[in-house]
């Protein structure tokens, strides 16, 4: 089960870079370049996300379980990205948001 989760983590790294990387690396570039940059990276994101979701589905995960897991992975990838690449200050609210997501994980997996 760890291989699909590794694929999700890699996918999220590319997704986060595709969605927000242009703000750091193409700050003064025209919009069309930022869009092209994002789509080129998003292609890599999909190359990891599609196999991850297929493998999880083959292991009997529901769509809800996959989505909630994806959101947890997104938060785990995004917060370090935000803190280190963009030098944003850490807020305690991020911890509370993470704990709320853990509650989501509990509820979506408890009936399986």
N, C-alpha and C. Protein backbone atom coordinates (compact mmCIF):
# COMPACT_ATOMS: atom_id res chain seq x y z
N UNK A 1 0.82 -1.20 0.00
CA UNK A 1 0.00 0.00 0.00
C UNK A 1 0.86 1.26 0.00
N UNK A 2 2.12 1.16 0.35
CA UNK A 2 2.95 2.36 0.44
C UNK A 2 3.32 2.92 -0.94
N UNK A 3 3.37 2.06 -1.97
CA UNK A 3 3.72 2.55 -3.31
C UNK A 3 2.71 3.55 -3.85
N UNK A 4 1.40 3.26 -3.78
CA UNK A 4 0.44 4.27 -4.25
C UNK A 4 0.52 5.58 -3.44
N UNK A 5 0.80 5.48 -2.15
CA UNK A 5 0.92 6.70 -1.34
C UNK A 5 2.16 7.49 -1.72
N UNK A 6 3.25 6.79 -2.06
CA UNK A 6 4.45 7.47 -2.56
C UNK A 6 4.14 8.19 -3.87
N UNK A 7 3.39 7.52 -4.75
CA UNK A 7 2.99 8.16 -6.00
C UNK A 7 2.15 9.41 -5.74
N UNK A 8 1.27 9.35 -4.74
CA UNK A 8 0.46 10.52 -4.38
C UNK A 8 1.33 11.68 -3.90
N UNK A 9 2.33 11.37 -3.11
CA UNK A 9 3.24 12.41 -2.61
C UNK A 9 3.99 13.07 -3.76
N UNK A 10 4.54 12.24 -4.66
CA UNK A 10 5.26 12.78 -5.82
C UNK A 10 4.33 13.62 -6.67
N UNK A 11 3.13 13.10 -6.91
CA UNK A 11 2.14 13.83 -7.69
C UNK A 11 1.84 15.18 -7.07
N UNK A 12 1.69 15.22 -5.77
CA UNK A 12 1.38 16.48 -5.07
C UNK A 12 2.52 17.47 -5.14
N UNK A 13 3.75 16.98 -5.13
CA UNK A 13 4.89 17.89 -5.29
C UNK A 13 4.81 18.59 -6.63
N UNK A 14 4.52 17.84 -7.69
CA UNK A 14 4.38 18.45 -9.01
C UNK A 14 3.15 19.36 -9.07
N UNK A 15 2.05 18.93 -8.47
CA UNK A 15 0.83 19.73 -8.49
C UNK A 15 1.06 21.08 -7.81
N UNK A 16 1.69 21.05 -6.65
CA UNK A 16 1.93 22.28 -5.91
C UNK A 16 2.84 23.21 -6.71
N UNK A 17 3.87 22.64 -7.34
CA UNK A 17 4.76 23.44 -8.17
C UNK A 17 4.01 24.00 -9.37
N UNK A 18 3.15 23.20 -9.98
CA UNK A 18 2.39 23.67 -11.14
C UNK A 18 1.44 24.81 -10.77
N UNK A 19 0.78 24.68 -9.63
CA UNK A 19 -0.20 25.68 -9.24
C UNK A 19 0.41 26.96 -8.70
N UNK A 20 1.52 26.84 -7.97
CA UNK A 20 2.07 28.01 -7.28
C UNK A 20 3.49 28.38 -7.68
N UNK A 21 4.19 27.50 -8.36
CA UNK A 21 5.59 27.76 -8.72
C UNK A 21 5.78 28.97 -9.59
N UNK A 22 4.82 29.26 -10.46
CA UNK A 22 4.94 30.43 -11.34
C UNK A 22 5.01 31.72 -10.54
N UNK A 23 4.44 31.75 -9.35
CA UNK A 23 4.49 32.96 -8.52
C UNK A 23 5.91 33.24 -8.06
N UNK A 24 6.71 32.18 -7.91
CA UNK A 24 8.09 32.32 -7.47
C UNK A 24 9.05 32.44 -8.65
N UNK A 25 8.88 31.58 -9.66
CA UNK A 25 9.87 31.47 -10.71
C UNK A 25 9.56 32.27 -11.97
N UNK A 26 8.31 32.64 -12.18
CA UNK A 26 7.92 33.40 -13.37
C UNK A 26 7.16 34.66 -12.97
N UNK A 27 7.60 35.29 -11.92
CA UNK A 27 6.88 36.42 -11.33
C UNK A 27 6.54 37.50 -12.36
N UNK A 28 7.50 37.89 -13.18
CA UNK A 28 7.27 38.97 -14.13
C UNK A 28 6.93 38.49 -15.53
N UNK A 29 6.78 37.20 -15.72
CA UNK A 29 6.51 36.64 -17.05
C UNK A 29 5.06 36.88 -17.46
N UNK A 30 4.83 36.89 -18.76
CA UNK A 30 3.44 37.02 -19.24
C UNK A 30 2.59 35.84 -18.77
N UNK A 31 1.29 36.07 -18.70
CA UNK A 31 0.37 35.04 -18.22
C UNK A 31 0.45 33.76 -19.04
N UNK A 32 0.59 33.87 -20.35
CA UNK A 32 0.62 32.68 -21.19
C UNK A 32 1.81 31.79 -20.83
N UNK A 33 2.94 32.39 -20.45
CA UNK A 33 4.10 31.59 -20.04
C UNK A 33 3.85 30.89 -18.72
N UNK A 34 3.18 31.57 -17.80
CA UNK A 34 2.85 30.95 -16.52
C UNK A 34 1.89 29.78 -16.73
N UNK A 35 0.93 29.95 -17.64
CA UNK A 35 -0.02 28.87 -17.92
C UNK A 35 0.71 27.69 -18.56
N UNK A 36 1.56 27.96 -19.51
CA UNK A 36 2.32 26.89 -20.17
C UNK A 36 3.22 26.17 -19.16
N UNK A 37 3.88 26.93 -18.30
CA UNK A 37 4.71 26.36 -17.23
C UNK A 37 3.89 25.42 -16.36
N UNK A 38 2.72 25.89 -15.94
CA UNK A 38 1.85 25.08 -15.08
C UNK A 38 1.38 23.81 -15.77
N UNK A 39 0.98 23.90 -17.02
CA UNK A 39 0.47 22.73 -17.74
C UNK A 39 1.57 21.71 -18.01
N UNK A 40 2.77 22.17 -18.28
CA UNK A 40 3.88 21.23 -18.50
C UNK A 40 4.17 20.43 -17.23
N UNK A 41 4.13 21.09 -16.10
CA UNK A 41 4.38 20.40 -14.83
C UNK A 41 3.17 19.54 -14.45
N UNK A 42 1.97 20.02 -14.75
CA UNK A 42 0.75 19.26 -14.43
C UNK A 42 0.73 17.92 -15.18
N UNK A 43 1.32 17.87 -16.35
CA UNK A 43 1.40 16.62 -17.08
C UNK A 43 2.17 15.58 -16.26
N UNK A 44 3.24 15.99 -15.62
CA UNK A 44 3.99 15.10 -14.74
C UNK A 44 3.16 14.70 -13.53
N UNK A 45 2.39 15.65 -13.02
CA UNK A 45 1.53 15.35 -11.88
C UNK A 45 0.54 14.24 -12.22
N UNK A 46 -0.06 14.34 -13.39
CA UNK A 46 -1.03 13.32 -13.81
C UNK A 46 -0.35 11.97 -14.04
N UNK A 47 0.90 11.98 -14.48
CA UNK A 47 1.62 10.73 -14.72
C UNK A 47 1.82 9.94 -13.43
N UNK A 48 1.77 10.61 -12.29
CA UNK A 48 1.88 9.93 -11.00
C UNK A 48 0.51 9.73 -10.34
N UNK A 49 -0.39 10.67 -10.54
CA UNK A 49 -1.69 10.61 -9.88
C UNK A 49 -2.56 9.48 -10.44
N UNK A 50 -2.61 9.34 -11.75
CA UNK A 50 -3.48 8.33 -12.35
C UNK A 50 -3.09 6.91 -11.90
N UNK A 51 -1.82 6.53 -11.94
CA UNK A 51 -1.48 5.20 -11.43
C UNK A 51 -1.78 5.04 -9.94
N UNK A 52 -1.57 6.11 -9.17
CA UNK A 52 -1.84 6.03 -7.73
C UNK A 52 -3.31 5.74 -7.47
N UNK A 53 -4.20 6.46 -8.14
CA UNK A 53 -5.63 6.25 -7.89
C UNK A 53 -6.10 4.90 -8.41
N UNK A 54 -5.53 4.46 -9.50
CA UNK A 54 -5.89 3.12 -10.01
C UNK A 54 -5.47 2.03 -9.04
N UNK A 55 -4.27 2.16 -8.50
CA UNK A 55 -3.79 1.16 -7.54
C UNK A 55 -4.64 1.17 -6.27
N UNK A 56 -4.98 2.35 -5.79
CA UNK A 56 -5.81 2.43 -4.58
C UNK A 56 -7.19 1.84 -4.84
N UNK A 57 -7.74 2.10 -6.02
CA UNK A 57 -9.05 1.53 -6.36
C UNK A 57 -8.97 0.01 -6.43
N UNK A 58 -7.87 -0.51 -6.95
CA UNK A 58 -7.69 -1.96 -7.02
C UNK A 58 -7.58 -2.59 -5.63
N UNK A 59 -7.13 -1.78 -4.67
CA UNK A 59 -7.04 -2.26 -3.28
C UNK A 59 -8.34 -2.04 -2.52
N UNK A 60 -9.39 -1.61 -3.21
CA UNK A 60 -10.70 -1.49 -2.58
C UNK A 60 -11.00 -0.15 -1.94
N UNK A 61 -10.18 0.86 -2.17
CA UNK A 61 -10.46 2.18 -1.59
C UNK A 61 -11.64 2.81 -2.32
N UNK A 62 -12.49 3.50 -1.56
CA UNK A 62 -13.59 4.24 -2.17
C UNK A 62 -13.08 5.59 -2.68
N UNK A 63 -13.90 6.24 -3.49
CA UNK A 63 -13.51 7.58 -3.98
C UNK A 63 -13.34 8.56 -2.82
N UNK A 64 -14.23 8.46 -1.82
CA UNK A 64 -14.10 9.34 -0.65
C UNK A 64 -12.80 9.12 0.10
N UNK A 65 -12.41 7.88 0.27
CA UNK A 65 -11.15 7.58 0.95
C UNK A 65 -9.96 8.12 0.16
N UNK A 66 -10.02 7.96 -1.17
CA UNK A 66 -8.93 8.48 -1.99
C UNK A 66 -8.85 10.00 -1.91
N UNK A 67 -10.00 10.66 -1.95
CA UNK A 67 -10.01 12.12 -1.94
C UNK A 67 -9.53 12.69 -0.62
N UNK A 68 -9.99 12.13 0.48
CA UNK A 68 -9.55 12.62 1.79
C UNK A 68 -8.05 12.38 1.97
N UNK A 69 -7.57 11.22 1.54
CA UNK A 69 -6.14 10.94 1.61
C UNK A 69 -5.36 11.94 0.76
N UNK A 70 -5.90 12.25 -0.41
CA UNK A 70 -5.26 13.24 -1.29
C UNK A 70 -5.17 14.60 -0.59
N UNK A 71 -6.21 14.99 0.11
CA UNK A 71 -6.20 16.28 0.80
C UNK A 71 -5.17 16.31 1.93
N UNK A 72 -5.03 15.20 2.64
CA UNK A 72 -4.01 15.13 3.70
C UNK A 72 -2.62 15.24 3.10
N UNK A 73 -2.39 14.50 2.02
CA UNK A 73 -1.08 14.57 1.35
C UNK A 73 -0.83 15.98 0.82
N UNK A 74 -1.86 16.61 0.28
CA UNK A 74 -1.72 17.98 -0.22
C UNK A 74 -1.26 18.91 0.90
N UNK A 75 -1.87 18.81 2.06
CA UNK A 75 -1.48 19.66 3.18
C UNK A 75 -0.04 19.36 3.63
N UNK A 76 0.31 18.08 3.67
CA UNK A 76 1.66 17.70 4.09
C UNK A 76 2.72 18.19 3.11
N UNK A 77 2.37 18.29 1.84
CA UNK A 77 3.31 18.79 0.83
C UNK A 77 3.29 20.32 0.79
N UNK A 78 2.10 20.90 0.86
CA UNK A 78 1.98 22.34 0.66
C UNK A 78 2.59 23.15 1.79
N UNK A 79 2.40 22.74 3.03
CA UNK A 79 2.90 23.56 4.15
C UNK A 79 4.43 23.72 4.09
N UNK A 80 5.21 22.65 3.92
CA UNK A 80 6.66 22.88 3.77
C UNK A 80 7.01 23.72 2.54
N UNK A 81 6.30 23.50 1.44
CA UNK A 81 6.50 24.29 0.23
C UNK A 81 6.31 25.77 0.53
N UNK A 82 5.24 26.09 1.22
CA UNK A 82 4.90 27.46 1.56
C UNK A 82 5.94 28.06 2.52
N UNK A 83 6.35 27.27 3.50
CA UNK A 83 7.27 27.77 4.51
C UNK A 83 8.68 27.99 3.95
N UNK A 84 9.19 27.03 3.18
CA UNK A 84 10.59 27.08 2.76
C UNK A 84 10.78 27.78 1.42
N UNK A 85 9.94 27.53 0.45
CA UNK A 85 10.13 28.15 -0.86
C UNK A 85 9.61 29.58 -0.89
N UNK A 86 8.48 29.82 -0.24
CA UNK A 86 7.89 31.15 -0.25
C UNK A 86 8.14 31.94 1.02
N UNK A 87 8.80 31.33 1.98
CA UNK A 87 9.16 32.01 3.24
C UNK A 87 7.96 32.62 3.95
N UNK A 88 6.83 31.92 3.88
CA UNK A 88 5.63 32.37 4.59
C UNK A 88 5.74 31.97 6.06
N UNK A 89 5.22 32.76 6.95
CA UNK A 89 5.30 32.42 8.38
C UNK A 89 4.35 31.26 8.71
N UNK A 90 4.77 30.44 9.66
CA UNK A 90 3.93 29.35 10.12
C UNK A 90 2.86 29.92 11.05
N UNK A 91 1.64 29.43 10.92
CA UNK A 91 0.54 29.83 11.80
C UNK A 91 0.00 28.58 12.47
N UNK A 92 -0.36 28.72 13.70
CA UNK A 92 -0.91 27.60 14.45
C UNK A 92 -2.19 27.06 13.80
N UNK A 93 -2.86 27.91 13.05
CA UNK A 93 -4.08 27.48 12.36
C UNK A 93 -3.81 26.35 11.37
N UNK A 94 -2.60 26.27 10.83
CA UNK A 94 -2.26 25.17 9.92
C UNK A 94 -2.27 23.84 10.67
N UNK A 95 -1.82 23.86 11.91
CA UNK A 95 -1.87 22.65 12.73
C UNK A 95 -3.32 22.25 13.00
N UNK A 96 -4.16 23.22 13.32
CA UNK A 96 -5.57 22.92 13.59
C UNK A 96 -6.25 22.38 12.33
N UNK A 97 -5.91 22.95 11.18
CA UNK A 97 -6.47 22.45 9.91
C UNK A 97 -6.04 21.01 9.68
N UNK A 98 -4.78 20.71 9.99
CA UNK A 98 -4.29 19.34 9.85
C UNK A 98 -5.03 18.38 10.77
N UNK A 99 -5.30 18.82 11.98
CA UNK A 99 -6.04 17.96 12.91
C UNK A 99 -7.47 17.74 12.42
N UNK A 100 -8.07 18.75 11.83
CA UNK A 100 -9.41 18.57 11.25
C UNK A 100 -9.37 17.54 10.13
N UNK A 101 -8.33 17.59 9.33
CA UNK A 101 -8.19 16.59 8.25
C UNK A 101 -8.01 15.19 8.82
N UNK A 102 -7.32 15.08 9.93
CA UNK A 102 -7.19 13.76 10.56
C UNK A 102 -8.56 13.25 11.01
N UNK A 103 -9.40 14.16 11.46
CA UNK A 103 -10.77 13.77 11.78
C UNK A 103 -11.51 13.29 10.55
N UNK A 104 -11.29 13.94 9.43
CA UNK A 104 -11.90 13.49 8.16
C UNK A 104 -11.42 12.09 7.81
N UNK A 105 -10.14 11.84 7.99
CA UNK A 105 -9.58 10.51 7.71
C UNK A 105 -10.27 9.47 8.58
N UNK A 106 -10.41 9.78 9.85
CA UNK A 106 -11.06 8.85 10.77
C UNK A 106 -12.47 8.49 10.27
N UNK A 107 -13.25 9.53 9.95
CA UNK A 107 -14.64 9.27 9.58
C UNK A 107 -14.78 8.57 8.24
N UNK A 108 -13.92 8.87 7.29
CA UNK A 108 -14.06 8.26 5.97
C UNK A 108 -13.57 6.82 5.96
N UNK A 109 -12.67 6.46 6.88
CA UNK A 109 -12.14 5.11 6.92
C UNK A 109 -12.79 4.22 7.99
N UNK A 110 -13.53 4.79 8.92
CA UNK A 110 -14.05 3.98 10.02
C UNK A 110 -15.09 2.96 9.59
N UNK A 111 -15.80 3.19 8.53
CA UNK A 111 -16.83 2.25 8.12
C UNK A 111 -16.31 1.16 7.19
N UNK A 112 -15.04 1.21 6.85
CA UNK A 112 -14.53 0.18 5.92
C UNK A 112 -13.96 -1.02 6.64
